[in-house]
């Protein structure tokens, strides 16, 4: 099961790494890392959530994942000295620590973290493969319910539910479906009160168990 960096590294090392750079605030929808750029730094995400996106050769954008607080962003480009393979966009206001590549690499060497970080990266790849198989075989409602379940890992609490700060278009990109198909899948869940549209954008998910159960019966 996927776990954030703060869990695999431990609180003590995470705190020490965070102390290498001051806290900065980045507004919603700002680009934190850009696909194709060199790996000059690593971002430690202290609070907020981010969208990991891939831009294709024709300019189409695919939403690969959502990452929340306790994650390192852009570390692989620093570790292997290759251009960034995806962009990272703030889904909401984020507090980050921007750690220069030399400082990050020295920290990794000092604490013997290469193996830990590579294993974490492999887990990410396996997670992506599972999602890719699901996207190729499952009905839209099942793909959407599964995606919402994953998104809740990085969602902010809102009363009796959790806020997923994605537009309907972004949800459709994430599961490889049309915007209309996503709207059709969401409609009965909204009518049942299992989720609602937030005034500021995004969804408030109140009952993910019922959403998943309903999706499976429809599939």
N, C-alpha and C. Protein backbone atom coordinates (compact mmCIF):
# COMPACT_ATOMS: atom_id res chain seq x y z
N UNK A 1 0.84 -1.20 0.00
CA UNK A 1 0.00 0.00 0.00
C UNK A 1 0.88 1.25 0.00
N UNK A 2 0.49 2.25 -0.80
CA UNK A 2 1.29 3.47 -0.93
C UNK A 2 1.28 4.26 0.38
N UNK A 3 2.46 4.76 0.76
CA UNK A 3 2.58 5.60 1.94
C UNK A 3 3.38 6.85 1.58
N UNK A 4 3.07 7.99 2.19
CA UNK A 4 3.81 9.22 1.88
C UNK A 4 5.24 9.17 2.40
N UNK A 5 6.07 10.05 1.90
CA UNK A 5 7.48 10.08 2.30
C UNK A 5 7.67 10.24 3.80
N UNK A 6 6.83 11.07 4.42
CA UNK A 6 7.00 11.31 5.85
C UNK A 6 6.88 10.01 6.64
N UNK A 7 6.07 9.08 6.14
CA UNK A 7 5.90 7.80 6.83
C UNK A 7 7.10 6.89 6.61
N UNK A 8 7.57 6.81 5.37
CA UNK A 8 8.69 5.89 5.10
C UNK A 8 10.02 6.42 5.64
N UNK A 9 10.15 7.74 5.74
CA UNK A 9 11.39 8.32 6.27
C UNK A 9 11.38 8.41 7.79
N UNK A 10 10.22 8.62 8.37
CA UNK A 10 10.11 8.83 9.80
C UNK A 10 10.06 10.31 10.14
N UNK A 11 9.37 10.63 11.22
CA UNK A 11 9.16 12.03 11.61
C UNK A 11 10.48 12.77 11.88
N UNK A 12 11.45 12.09 12.50
CA UNK A 12 12.70 12.76 12.87
C UNK A 12 13.46 13.22 11.62
N UNK A 13 13.65 12.33 10.66
CA UNK A 13 14.37 12.71 9.44
C UNK A 13 13.57 13.71 8.62
N UNK A 14 12.25 13.54 8.59
CA UNK A 14 11.42 14.48 7.85
C UNK A 14 11.57 15.89 8.42
N UNK A 15 11.56 16.02 9.72
CA UNK A 15 11.72 17.32 10.36
C UNK A 15 13.09 17.92 10.05
N UNK A 16 14.13 17.08 10.08
CA UNK A 16 15.49 17.56 9.78
C UNK A 16 15.59 18.03 8.34
N UNK A 17 14.97 17.30 7.42
CA UNK A 17 14.98 17.69 6.01
C UNK A 17 14.21 19.00 5.81
N UNK A 18 13.10 19.14 6.47
CA UNK A 18 12.29 20.36 6.37
C UNK A 18 13.07 21.58 6.84
N UNK A 19 13.93 21.39 7.84
CA UNK A 19 14.69 22.50 8.39
C UNK A 19 15.79 23.01 7.47
N UNK A 20 16.03 22.32 6.35
CA UNK A 20 17.07 22.75 5.43
C UNK A 20 16.67 23.98 4.61
N UNK A 21 15.37 24.30 4.60
CA UNK A 21 14.91 25.44 3.79
C UNK A 21 13.72 26.10 4.48
N UNK A 22 13.54 27.41 4.30
CA UNK A 22 12.42 28.11 4.95
C UNK A 22 11.09 27.73 4.32
N UNK A 23 10.02 27.94 5.07
CA UNK A 23 8.67 27.67 4.56
C UNK A 23 8.23 28.77 3.61
N UNK A 24 7.63 28.37 2.50
CA UNK A 24 7.08 29.31 1.54
C UNK A 24 5.63 28.93 1.24
N UNK A 25 4.83 29.92 0.90
CA UNK A 25 3.43 29.68 0.57
C UNK A 25 3.23 29.87 -0.93
N UNK A 26 2.57 28.90 -1.54
CA UNK A 26 2.29 28.95 -2.97
C UNK A 26 0.78 28.90 -3.17
N UNK A 27 0.22 29.80 -3.98
CA UNK A 27 -1.24 29.86 -4.15
C UNK A 27 -1.78 28.70 -5.00
N UNK A 28 -3.07 28.47 -4.89
CA UNK A 28 -3.73 27.44 -5.69
C UNK A 28 -3.51 27.70 -7.17
N UNK A 29 -3.30 26.63 -7.92
CA UNK A 29 -3.12 26.62 -9.38
C UNK A 29 -1.75 27.13 -9.82
N UNK A 30 -0.86 27.42 -8.90
CA UNK A 30 0.49 27.80 -9.31
C UNK A 30 1.29 26.56 -9.66
N UNK A 31 2.23 26.71 -10.62
CA UNK A 31 3.06 25.59 -11.05
C UNK A 31 4.26 25.48 -10.11
N UNK A 32 4.36 24.35 -9.42
CA UNK A 32 5.46 24.14 -8.48
C UNK A 32 6.68 23.53 -9.17
N UNK A 33 6.44 22.61 -10.09
CA UNK A 33 7.50 21.99 -10.88
C UNK A 33 6.99 21.86 -12.31
N UNK A 34 7.89 22.05 -13.28
CA UNK A 34 7.47 22.01 -14.68
C UNK A 34 8.14 20.86 -15.44
N UNK A 35 7.33 20.12 -16.15
CA UNK A 35 7.82 19.00 -16.96
C UNK A 35 8.92 19.48 -17.92
N UNK A 36 10.03 18.73 -17.96
CA UNK A 36 11.13 19.07 -18.85
C UNK A 36 12.21 19.92 -18.23
N UNK A 37 11.92 20.56 -17.09
CA UNK A 37 12.93 21.38 -16.42
C UNK A 37 13.99 20.49 -15.76
N UNK A 38 15.18 21.02 -15.56
CA UNK A 38 16.21 20.25 -14.85
C UNK A 38 15.88 20.12 -13.37
N UNK A 39 16.44 19.10 -12.73
CA UNK A 39 16.18 18.87 -11.31
C UNK A 39 17.10 19.69 -10.43
N UNK A 40 16.79 20.96 -10.28
CA UNK A 40 17.64 21.86 -9.50
C UNK A 40 17.27 21.88 -8.01
N UNK A 41 16.10 21.34 -7.68
CA UNK A 41 15.66 21.38 -6.29
C UNK A 41 14.57 20.33 -6.05
N UNK A 42 14.31 20.08 -4.80
CA UNK A 42 13.24 19.18 -4.36
C UNK A 42 12.26 20.00 -3.53
N UNK A 43 10.97 19.69 -3.66
CA UNK A 43 9.95 20.38 -2.87
C UNK A 43 9.43 19.44 -1.79
N UNK A 44 9.47 19.90 -0.57
CA UNK A 44 8.86 19.19 0.57
C UNK A 44 7.50 19.83 0.80
N UNK A 45 6.44 19.05 0.67
CA UNK A 45 5.08 19.56 0.80
C UNK A 45 4.63 19.44 2.25
N UNK A 46 4.53 20.57 2.92
CA UNK A 46 4.19 20.61 4.35
C UNK A 46 2.68 20.60 4.58
N UNK A 47 1.95 21.28 3.71
CA UNK A 47 0.49 21.28 3.79
C UNK A 47 -0.09 21.59 2.42
N UNK A 48 -1.34 21.18 2.23
CA UNK A 48 -1.99 21.37 0.94
C UNK A 48 -1.94 20.11 0.10
N UNK A 49 -2.38 20.21 -1.15
CA UNK A 49 -2.35 19.06 -2.05
C UNK A 49 -1.97 19.54 -3.45
N UNK A 50 -1.43 18.62 -4.24
CA UNK A 50 -0.91 18.97 -5.56
C UNK A 50 -1.39 17.99 -6.62
N UNK A 51 -1.43 18.45 -7.87
CA UNK A 51 -1.78 17.63 -9.01
C UNK A 51 -0.51 17.29 -9.78
N UNK A 52 -0.32 16.01 -10.08
CA UNK A 52 0.81 15.58 -10.89
C UNK A 52 0.28 15.38 -12.30
N UNK A 53 0.76 16.16 -13.27
CA UNK A 53 0.21 16.12 -14.62
C UNK A 53 1.30 15.84 -15.65
N UNK A 54 0.88 15.21 -16.74
CA UNK A 54 1.78 14.89 -17.85
C UNK A 54 1.21 15.52 -19.12
N UNK A 55 2.04 16.26 -19.84
CA UNK A 55 1.63 16.88 -21.11
C UNK A 55 2.17 16.06 -22.27
N UNK A 56 1.28 15.62 -23.17
CA UNK A 56 1.67 14.81 -24.31
C UNK A 56 2.21 15.64 -25.46
N UNK A 57 2.61 14.96 -26.51
CA UNK A 57 3.23 15.64 -27.66
C UNK A 57 2.25 16.56 -28.38
N UNK A 58 0.95 16.25 -28.30
CA UNK A 58 -0.06 17.09 -28.95
C UNK A 58 -0.61 18.16 -28.01
N UNK A 59 -0.01 18.27 -26.82
CA UNK A 59 -0.46 19.27 -25.86
C UNK A 59 -1.54 18.81 -24.92
N UNK A 60 -1.99 17.56 -25.04
CA UNK A 60 -3.03 17.05 -24.15
C UNK A 60 -2.44 16.83 -22.76
N UNK A 61 -3.25 17.08 -21.75
CA UNK A 61 -2.77 16.94 -20.37
C UNK A 61 -3.48 15.80 -19.67
N UNK A 62 -2.70 14.96 -19.02
CA UNK A 62 -3.24 13.84 -18.26
C UNK A 62 -2.92 14.03 -16.80
N UNK A 63 -3.91 13.84 -15.95
CA UNK A 63 -3.70 13.92 -14.51
C UNK A 63 -3.28 12.54 -14.01
N UNK A 64 -2.04 12.44 -13.53
CA UNK A 64 -1.49 11.16 -13.11
C UNK A 64 -1.84 10.80 -11.67
N UNK A 65 -1.79 11.79 -10.79
CA UNK A 65 -1.98 11.51 -9.37
C UNK A 65 -2.22 12.81 -8.62
N UNK A 66 -2.64 12.66 -7.38
CA UNK A 66 -2.74 13.79 -6.45
C UNK A 66 -1.89 13.43 -5.23
N UNK A 67 -1.03 14.36 -4.82
CA UNK A 67 -0.18 14.13 -3.66
C UNK A 67 -0.47 15.18 -2.60
N UNK A 68 -0.49 14.73 -1.34
CA UNK A 68 -0.81 15.62 -0.24
C UNK A 68 0.38 15.87 0.67
N UNK A 69 0.10 16.48 1.81
CA UNK A 69 1.15 16.84 2.77
C UNK A 69 1.95 15.60 3.17
N UNK A 70 3.25 15.81 3.41
CA UNK A 70 4.11 14.71 3.79
C UNK A 70 4.81 14.06 2.61
N UNK A 71 4.73 14.70 1.44
CA UNK A 71 5.36 14.15 0.24
C UNK A 71 6.55 14.99 -0.20
N UNK A 72 7.53 14.32 -0.81
CA UNK A 72 8.59 14.99 -1.55
C UNK A 72 8.18 15.02 -3.02
N UNK A 73 8.43 16.13 -3.67
CA UNK A 73 8.08 16.28 -5.08
C UNK A 73 9.34 16.63 -5.87
N UNK A 74 9.55 15.91 -6.96
CA UNK A 74 10.68 16.20 -7.84
C UNK A 74 11.99 15.58 -7.42
N UNK A 75 11.94 14.62 -6.49
CA UNK A 75 13.20 14.05 -5.98
C UNK A 75 13.90 13.16 -6.99
N UNK A 76 13.13 12.48 -7.87
CA UNK A 76 13.77 11.55 -8.81
C UNK A 76 14.63 12.30 -9.84
N UNK A 77 14.18 13.45 -10.29
CA UNK A 77 14.97 14.24 -11.23
C UNK A 77 16.29 14.68 -10.61
N UNK A 78 16.29 14.89 -9.32
CA UNK A 78 17.52 15.26 -8.61
C UNK A 78 18.42 14.03 -8.43
N UNK A 79 17.81 12.90 -8.09
CA UNK A 79 18.59 11.69 -7.85
C UNK A 79 19.24 11.15 -9.11
N UNK A 80 18.54 11.23 -10.26
CA UNK A 80 19.13 10.66 -11.48
C UNK A 80 19.62 11.71 -12.48
N UNK A 81 19.58 13.00 -12.09
CA UNK A 81 20.10 14.10 -12.93
C UNK A 81 19.45 14.12 -14.32
N UNK A 82 18.16 13.82 -14.38
CA UNK A 82 17.42 13.85 -15.64
C UNK A 82 16.32 14.91 -15.56
N UNK A 83 15.82 15.39 -16.72
CA UNK A 83 14.74 16.38 -16.70
C UNK A 83 13.49 15.84 -16.00
N UNK A 84 12.70 16.73 -15.48
CA UNK A 84 11.46 16.34 -14.80
C UNK A 84 10.49 15.71 -15.79
N UNK A 85 9.89 14.59 -15.40
CA UNK A 85 9.02 13.84 -16.30
C UNK A 85 7.56 14.27 -16.22
N UNK A 86 7.22 15.12 -15.26
CA UNK A 86 5.84 15.58 -15.10
C UNK A 86 5.84 16.95 -14.43
N UNK A 87 4.71 17.62 -14.50
CA UNK A 87 4.55 18.90 -13.83
C UNK A 87 3.79 18.69 -12.53
N UNK A 88 3.99 19.62 -11.59
CA UNK A 88 3.27 19.58 -10.32
C UNK A 88 2.58 20.93 -10.14
N UNK A 89 1.27 20.90 -9.92
CA UNK A 89 0.47 22.12 -9.79
C UNK A 89 -0.23 22.10 -8.43
N UNK A 90 -0.23 23.24 -7.76
CA UNK A 90 -0.90 23.33 -6.46
C UNK A 90 -2.42 23.24 -6.66
N UNK A 91 -3.04 22.25 -6.02
CA UNK A 91 -4.50 22.12 -6.10
C UNK A 91 -5.19 23.10 -5.17
N UNK A 92 -4.48 23.57 -4.17
CA UNK A 92 -4.97 24.54 -3.19
C UNK A 92 -3.75 25.28 -2.67
N UNK A 93 -3.95 26.22 -1.78
CA UNK A 93 -2.80 26.90 -1.18
C UNK A 93 -1.90 25.88 -0.48
N UNK A 94 -0.62 25.93 -0.79
CA UNK A 94 0.33 24.95 -0.26
C UNK A 94 1.46 25.63 0.50
N UNK A 95 1.88 25.02 1.59
CA UNK A 95 3.09 25.42 2.29
C UNK A 95 4.20 24.45 1.91
N UNK A 96 5.29 24.98 1.39
CA UNK A 96 6.35 24.13 0.87
C UNK A 96 7.71 24.58 1.40
N UNK A 97 8.67 23.67 1.33
CA UNK A 97 10.07 23.98 1.58
C UNK A 97 10.84 23.59 0.33
N UNK A 98 11.53 24.54 -0.28
CA UNK A 98 12.24 24.30 -1.54
C UNK A 98 13.71 24.05 -1.22
N UNK A 99 14.12 22.80 -1.37
CA UNK A 99 15.45 22.38 -0.94
C UNK A 99 16.37 22.25 -2.15
N UNK A 100 17.45 23.01 -2.23
CA UNK A 100 18.37 22.93 -3.37
C UNK A 100 18.92 21.51 -3.54
N UNK A 101 19.15 21.12 -4.79
CA UNK A 101 19.61 19.76 -5.09
C UNK A 101 20.86 19.37 -4.32
N UNK A 102 21.90 20.21 -4.24
CA UNK A 102 23.10 19.80 -3.51
C UNK A 102 22.82 19.51 -2.03
N UNK A 103 21.98 20.31 -1.40
CA UNK A 103 21.65 20.09 0.01
C UNK A 103 20.85 18.79 0.18
N UNK A 104 19.93 18.53 -0.75
CA UNK A 104 19.13 17.30 -0.67
C UNK A 104 20.00 16.07 -0.86
N UNK A 105 20.90 16.10 -1.84
CA UNK A 105 21.76 14.95 -2.10
C UNK A 105 22.70 14.69 -0.93
N UNK A 106 23.21 15.75 -0.32
CA UNK A 106 24.08 15.58 0.85
C UNK A 106 23.30 14.96 2.00
N UNK A 107 22.05 15.37 2.18
CA UNK A 107 21.21 14.81 3.25
C UNK A 107 20.94 13.33 2.99
N UNK A 108 20.64 12.99 1.74
CA UNK A 108 20.38 11.59 1.38
C UNK A 108 21.60 10.73 1.65
N UNK A 109 22.77 11.23 1.27
CA UNK A 109 24.01 10.47 1.52
C UNK A 109 24.28 10.32 3.01
N UNK A 110 24.12 11.41 3.74
CA UNK A 110 24.41 11.38 5.18
C UNK A 110 23.55 10.37 5.92
N UNK A 111 22.29 10.24 5.50
CA UNK A 111 21.35 9.37 6.22
C UNK A 111 21.05 8.07 5.46
N UNK A 112 21.81 7.81 4.41
CA UNK A 112 21.69 6.55 3.67
C UNK A 112 20.25 6.30 3.23
N UNK A 113 19.69 7.27 2.51
CA UNK A 113 18.27 7.22 2.13
C UNK A 113 18.02 6.79 0.69
N UNK A 114 19.08 6.53 -0.07
CA UNK A 114 18.87 6.21 -1.49
C UNK A 114 17.95 5.00 -1.65
N UNK A 115 18.24 3.93 -0.93
CA UNK A 115 17.43 2.72 -1.06
C UNK A 115 15.98 2.97 -0.67
N UNK A 116 15.77 3.71 0.41
CA UNK A 116 14.41 4.03 0.87
C UNK A 116 13.65 4.81 -0.20
N UNK A 117 14.31 5.80 -0.79
CA UNK A 117 13.64 6.62 -1.80
C UNK A 117 13.37 5.85 -3.08
N UNK A 118 14.28 4.97 -3.46
CA UNK A 118 14.07 4.17 -4.67
C UNK A 118 12.92 3.18 -4.48
N UNK A 119 12.85 2.57 -3.29
CA UNK A 119 11.73 1.66 -3.01
C UNK A 119 10.41 2.40 -3.06
N UNK A 120 10.43 3.61 -2.54
CA UNK A 120 9.21 4.43 -2.56
C UNK A 120 8.82 4.72 -4.00
N UNK A 121 9.81 5.03 -4.84
CA UNK A 121 9.54 5.32 -6.25
C UNK A 121 8.96 4.09 -6.95
N UNK A 122 9.46 2.90 -6.63
CA UNK A 122 8.94 1.67 -7.21
C UNK A 122 7.48 1.47 -6.81
N UNK A 123 7.16 1.79 -5.56
CA UNK A 123 5.77 1.68 -5.11
C UNK A 123 4.87 2.61 -5.92
N UNK A 124 5.37 3.80 -6.23
CA UNK A 124 4.61 4.73 -7.06
C UNK A 124 4.35 4.14 -8.44
N UNK A 125 5.37 3.50 -9.01
CA UNK A 125 5.23 2.90 -10.34
C UNK A 125 4.18 1.80 -10.30
N UNK A 126 4.24 0.95 -9.27
CA UNK A 126 3.26 -0.13 -9.16
C UNK A 126 1.85 0.41 -8.99
N UNK A 127 1.73 1.48 -8.21
CA UNK A 127 0.42 2.12 -8.05
C UNK A 127 -0.09 2.60 -9.39
N UNK A 128 0.80 3.21 -10.18
CA UNK A 128 0.41 3.72 -11.49
C UNK A 128 0.00 2.59 -12.43
N UNK A 129 0.68 1.45 -12.35
CA UNK A 129 0.33 0.31 -13.20
C UNK A 129 -1.05 -0.24 -12.84
N UNK A 130 -1.36 -0.28 -11.55
CA UNK A 130 -2.68 -0.74 -11.11
C UNK A 130 -3.77 0.18 -11.64
N UNK A 131 -3.51 1.48 -11.55
CA UNK A 131 -4.48 2.46 -12.04
C UNK A 131 -4.64 2.33 -13.55
N UNK A 132 -3.52 2.13 -14.27
CA UNK A 132 -3.58 2.02 -15.73
C UNK A 132 -4.42 0.80 -16.15
N UNK A 133 -4.26 -0.32 -15.46
CA UNK A 133 -5.05 -1.51 -15.77
C UNK A 133 -6.53 -1.25 -15.51
N UNK A 134 -6.82 -0.59 -14.41
CA UNK A 134 -8.21 -0.28 -14.07
C UNK A 134 -8.84 0.62 -15.13
N UNK A 135 -8.08 1.61 -15.59
CA UNK A 135 -8.58 2.55 -16.59
C UNK A 135 -8.88 1.84 -17.91
N UNK A 136 -8.14 0.79 -18.19
CA UNK A 136 -8.31 0.09 -19.46
C UNK A 136 -9.47 -0.90 -19.45
N UNK A 137 -9.91 -1.32 -18.26
CA UNK A 137 -10.88 -2.40 -18.20
C UNK A 137 -12.18 -2.08 -17.47
N UNK A 138 -12.18 -1.18 -16.50
CA UNK A 138 -13.35 -0.97 -15.66
C UNK A 138 -14.31 0.07 -16.27
N UNK A 139 -15.62 -0.02 -15.95
CA UNK A 139 -16.58 0.99 -16.38
C UNK A 139 -16.26 2.35 -15.75
N UNK A 140 -16.81 3.41 -16.35
CA UNK A 140 -16.51 4.77 -15.89
C UNK A 140 -16.84 4.95 -14.42
N UNK A 141 -18.01 4.48 -13.97
CA UNK A 141 -18.41 4.69 -12.58
C UNK A 141 -17.43 4.02 -11.61
N UNK A 142 -16.95 2.84 -11.96
CA UNK A 142 -16.00 2.14 -11.10
C UNK A 142 -14.67 2.88 -11.07
N UNK A 143 -14.21 3.33 -12.24
CA UNK A 143 -12.95 4.09 -12.31
C UNK A 143 -13.05 5.38 -11.50
N UNK A 144 -14.20 6.04 -11.59
CA UNK A 144 -14.38 7.31 -10.88
C UNK A 144 -14.44 7.09 -9.37
N UNK A 145 -15.17 6.06 -8.93
CA UNK A 145 -15.26 5.77 -7.50
C UNK A 145 -13.88 5.41 -6.94
N UNK A 146 -13.12 4.64 -7.69
CA UNK A 146 -11.77 4.26 -7.25
C UNK A 146 -10.87 5.48 -7.19
N UNK A 147 -10.98 6.36 -8.18
CA UNK A 147 -10.17 7.58 -8.18
C UNK A 147 -10.51 8.46 -6.99
N UNK A 148 -11.79 8.60 -6.68
CA UNK A 148 -12.19 9.40 -5.52
C UNK A 148 -11.64 8.81 -4.23
N UNK A 149 -11.60 7.49 -4.14
CA UNK A 149 -11.04 6.84 -2.95
C UNK A 149 -9.57 7.21 -2.79
N UNK A 150 -8.81 7.19 -3.89
CA UNK A 150 -7.39 7.56 -3.83
C UNK A 150 -7.23 9.04 -3.50
N UNK A 151 -8.10 9.86 -4.05
CA UNK A 151 -8.00 11.31 -3.83
C UNK A 151 -8.25 11.68 -2.37
N UNK A 152 -9.06 10.90 -1.68
CA UNK A 152 -9.36 11.20 -0.28
C UNK A 152 -8.11 11.13 0.59
N UNK A 153 -7.07 10.41 0.12
CA UNK A 153 -5.82 10.34 0.88
C UNK A 153 -5.16 11.71 1.00
N UNK A 154 -5.45 12.59 0.04
CA UNK A 154 -4.85 13.93 0.06
C UNK A 154 -5.89 15.02 0.22
N UNK A 155 -7.11 14.63 0.64
CA UNK A 155 -8.21 15.59 0.73
C UNK A 155 -8.24 16.29 2.08
N UNK A 156 -8.82 17.49 2.08
CA UNK A 156 -8.99 18.27 3.30
C UNK A 156 -10.36 17.96 3.92
N UNK A 157 -10.40 17.85 5.24
CA UNK A 157 -11.67 17.59 5.92
C UNK A 157 -12.59 18.80 5.81
N UNK A 158 -13.89 18.52 5.66
CA UNK A 158 -14.88 19.60 5.58
C UNK A 158 -16.15 19.13 6.27
N UNK A 159 -16.23 19.37 7.58
CA UNK A 159 -17.39 18.93 8.33
C UNK A 159 -17.50 17.42 8.33
N UNK A 160 -18.59 16.91 7.74
CA UNK A 160 -18.82 15.47 7.73
C UNK A 160 -18.22 14.78 6.50
N UNK A 161 -17.48 15.53 5.68
CA UNK A 161 -16.91 14.95 4.46
C UNK A 161 -15.50 15.43 4.20
N UNK A 162 -15.04 15.16 2.98
CA UNK A 162 -13.70 15.56 2.56
C UNK A 162 -13.78 16.27 1.22
N UNK A 163 -12.99 17.33 1.08
CA UNK A 163 -13.01 18.12 -0.14
C UNK A 163 -12.00 17.56 -1.13
N UNK A 164 -12.47 17.22 -2.32
CA UNK A 164 -11.60 16.85 -3.44
C UNK A 164 -11.55 18.06 -4.36
N UNK A 165 -10.41 18.71 -4.43
CA UNK A 165 -10.30 19.99 -5.14
C UNK A 165 -9.93 19.79 -6.61
N UNK A 166 -10.79 19.08 -7.31
CA UNK A 166 -10.61 18.87 -8.75
C UNK A 166 -11.88 19.27 -9.48
N UNK A 167 -11.71 19.82 -10.66
CA UNK A 167 -12.87 20.12 -11.50
C UNK A 167 -13.35 18.83 -12.18
N UNK A 168 -14.53 18.90 -12.76
CA UNK A 168 -15.05 17.73 -13.46
C UNK A 168 -14.16 17.37 -14.64
N UNK A 169 -13.59 18.40 -15.28
CA UNK A 169 -12.67 18.16 -16.40
C UNK A 169 -11.42 17.43 -15.92
N UNK A 170 -10.90 17.84 -14.78
CA UNK A 170 -9.70 17.18 -14.24
C UNK A 170 -9.99 15.74 -13.83
N UNK A 171 -11.17 15.51 -13.28
CA UNK A 171 -11.56 14.14 -12.95
C UNK A 171 -11.63 13.28 -14.21
N UNK A 172 -12.17 13.86 -15.28
CA UNK A 172 -12.28 13.09 -16.52
C UNK A 172 -10.89 12.78 -17.08
N UNK A 173 -9.95 13.71 -16.95
CA UNK A 173 -8.57 13.46 -17.38
C UNK A 173 -7.94 12.35 -16.55
N UNK A 174 -8.24 12.35 -15.28
CA UNK A 174 -7.61 11.40 -14.38
C UNK A 174 -8.04 9.97 -14.68
N UNK A 175 -9.28 9.77 -15.12
CA UNK A 175 -9.76 8.40 -15.33
C UNK A 175 -9.90 8.04 -16.81
N UNK A 176 -9.53 8.96 -17.69
CA UNK A 176 -9.58 8.66 -19.11
C UNK A 176 -10.99 8.53 -19.65
N UNK A 177 -11.88 9.43 -19.22
CA UNK A 177 -13.27 9.40 -19.68
C UNK A 177 -13.67 10.81 -20.12
N UNK A 178 -14.80 10.91 -20.79
CA UNK A 178 -15.28 12.22 -21.20
C UNK A 178 -15.88 12.97 -20.00
N UNK A 179 -15.94 14.28 -20.13
CA UNK A 179 -16.52 15.09 -19.05
C UNK A 179 -17.99 14.74 -18.86
N UNK A 180 -18.70 14.48 -19.95
CA UNK A 180 -20.12 14.12 -19.85
C UNK A 180 -20.31 12.80 -19.11
N UNK A 181 -19.41 11.84 -19.39
CA UNK A 181 -19.52 10.53 -18.73
C UNK A 181 -19.30 10.67 -17.23
N UNK A 182 -18.37 11.52 -16.85
CA UNK A 182 -18.12 11.76 -15.43
C UNK A 182 -19.34 12.42 -14.79
N UNK A 183 -19.93 13.39 -15.48
CA UNK A 183 -21.13 14.04 -14.96
C UNK A 183 -22.28 13.06 -14.76
N UNK A 184 -22.42 12.13 -15.69
CA UNK A 184 -23.46 11.12 -15.59
C UNK A 184 -23.24 10.21 -14.39
N UNK A 185 -21.98 9.83 -14.16
CA UNK A 185 -21.66 8.96 -13.02
C UNK A 185 -21.86 9.68 -11.69
N UNK A 186 -21.57 10.97 -11.65
CA UNK A 186 -21.70 11.74 -10.40
C UNK A 186 -23.14 12.00 -10.01
N UNK A 187 -24.03 12.07 -11.01
CA UNK A 187 -25.41 12.53 -10.76
C UNK A 187 -26.13 11.72 -9.68
N UNK A 188 -26.19 10.38 -9.78
CA UNK A 188 -26.92 9.64 -8.73
C UNK A 188 -26.27 9.75 -7.36
N UNK A 189 -24.95 9.89 -7.31
CA UNK A 189 -24.26 10.02 -6.02
C UNK A 189 -24.60 11.36 -5.38
N UNK A 190 -24.73 12.37 -6.22
CA UNK A 190 -25.12 13.69 -5.71
C UNK A 190 -26.57 13.65 -5.22
N UNK A 191 -27.43 12.99 -5.98
CA UNK A 191 -28.85 12.89 -5.61
C UNK A 191 -29.05 12.13 -4.31
N UNK A 192 -28.17 11.15 -4.05
CA UNK A 192 -28.26 10.37 -2.81
C UNK A 192 -27.63 11.10 -1.62
N UNK A 193 -26.94 12.21 -1.89
CA UNK A 193 -26.30 12.97 -0.82
C UNK A 193 -24.95 12.42 -0.40
N UNK A 194 -24.40 11.49 -1.21
CA UNK A 194 -23.10 10.90 -0.88
C UNK A 194 -21.96 11.84 -1.21
N UNK A 195 -22.22 12.80 -2.06
CA UNK A 195 -21.26 13.87 -2.34
C UNK A 195 -22.02 15.11 -2.75
N UNK A 196 -21.32 16.24 -2.75
CA UNK A 196 -21.92 17.51 -3.13
C UNK A 196 -20.87 18.37 -3.81
N UNK A 197 -21.33 19.33 -4.57
CA UNK A 197 -20.42 20.28 -5.21
C UNK A 197 -20.13 21.41 -4.25
N UNK A 198 -18.84 21.72 -4.08
CA UNK A 198 -18.45 22.80 -3.17
C UNK A 198 -18.56 24.14 -3.88
N UNK A 199 -18.96 25.17 -3.15
CA UNK A 199 -19.14 26.49 -3.75
C UNK A 199 -17.86 27.01 -4.39
N UNK A 200 -16.71 26.74 -3.75
CA UNK A 200 -15.44 27.25 -4.26
C UNK A 200 -14.83 26.36 -5.33
N UNK A 201 -15.53 25.31 -5.71
CA UNK A 201 -15.03 24.38 -6.70
C UNK A 201 -14.62 23.06 -6.08
N UNK A 202 -14.76 21.99 -6.82
CA UNK A 202 -14.43 20.68 -6.30
C UNK A 202 -15.63 19.97 -5.73
N UNK A 203 -15.40 18.85 -5.07
CA UNK A 203 -16.46 18.03 -4.52
C UNK A 203 -16.26 17.81 -3.03
N UNK A 204 -17.36 17.68 -2.30
CA UNK A 204 -17.32 17.25 -0.91
C UNK A 204 -17.83 15.81 -0.89
N UNK A 205 -16.94 14.88 -0.57
CA UNK A 205 -17.30 13.46 -0.54
C UNK A 205 -17.70 13.10 0.88
N UNK A 206 -18.94 12.62 1.04
CA UNK A 206 -19.47 12.34 2.38
C UNK A 206 -19.56 10.84 2.68
N UNK A 207 -19.69 10.02 1.64
CA UNK A 207 -19.89 8.58 1.88
C UNK A 207 -19.23 7.79 0.76
N UNK A 208 -17.93 7.61 0.84
CA UNK A 208 -17.20 6.93 -0.23
C UNK A 208 -17.57 5.45 -0.29
N UNK A 209 -17.92 4.85 0.85
CA UNK A 209 -18.29 3.43 0.85
C UNK A 209 -19.54 3.20 0.00
N UNK A 210 -20.54 4.06 0.16
CA UNK A 210 -21.77 3.92 -0.63
C UNK A 210 -21.50 4.19 -2.11
N UNK A 211 -20.63 5.16 -2.38
CA UNK A 211 -20.28 5.47 -3.77
C UNK A 211 -19.63 4.26 -4.44
N UNK A 212 -18.68 3.63 -3.75
CA UNK A 212 -18.00 2.47 -4.33
C UNK A 212 -18.98 1.30 -4.52
N UNK A 213 -19.84 1.08 -3.54
CA UNK A 213 -20.80 -0.02 -3.64
C UNK A 213 -21.75 0.19 -4.81
N UNK A 214 -22.25 1.42 -4.97
CA UNK A 214 -23.15 1.72 -6.07
C UNK A 214 -22.46 1.55 -7.42
N UNK A 215 -21.20 2.02 -7.51
CA UNK A 215 -20.46 1.90 -8.76
C UNK A 215 -20.30 0.45 -9.18
N UNK A 216 -20.02 -0.41 -8.22
CA UNK A 216 -19.82 -1.83 -8.52
C UNK A 216 -21.11 -2.49 -8.99
N UNK A 217 -22.23 -2.08 -8.43
CA UNK A 217 -23.51 -2.67 -8.86
C UNK A 217 -23.89 -2.18 -10.27
N UNK A 218 -23.47 -0.95 -10.60
CA UNK A 218 -23.75 -0.42 -11.93
C UNK A 218 -22.82 -1.01 -12.98
N UNK A 219 -21.58 -1.40 -12.51
CA UNK A 219 -20.60 -1.94 -13.45
C UNK A 219 -20.98 -3.33 -13.92
